[in-house]
């Protein structure tokens, strides 16, 4: 079982930037799809971004052009660079791992992922 630990959340003003990190332990990191989701108060957890083992990247429409997901397989770490943050980006951000599968996804649901981190709070003030 892969364990995930997020870091990098905090309070930032609108227009600012944050970089989230997610360190993974266990499993073979390079073979897995890694994702970021977020959950705002009173709302369902929603997809933000994902990166596949082949290096493909996918984004929710709401963050395209502002957020960038990347991975460092040597460090077993996935990152989420968030720029031009808006108050609507305020949420708990979760890292997730989808274990190696021959099924190729281009859309991502919470049920597609096998293990989750504990989450990190991101608050964007207006």
Foldseek 3Di string as FASTA:
>chain_A
DKAKAKDWADEEAAQAKIKMKIAIDDDQLLQKKKFKWWDDPPGDIGGAKIAHSVGDIAGDPVQPPFWDWDDDSVRRMIMIIGGRDDQVVWTWMKMFIQGHDPDDDRDDDPVNTDDIYPTDTHGYHD
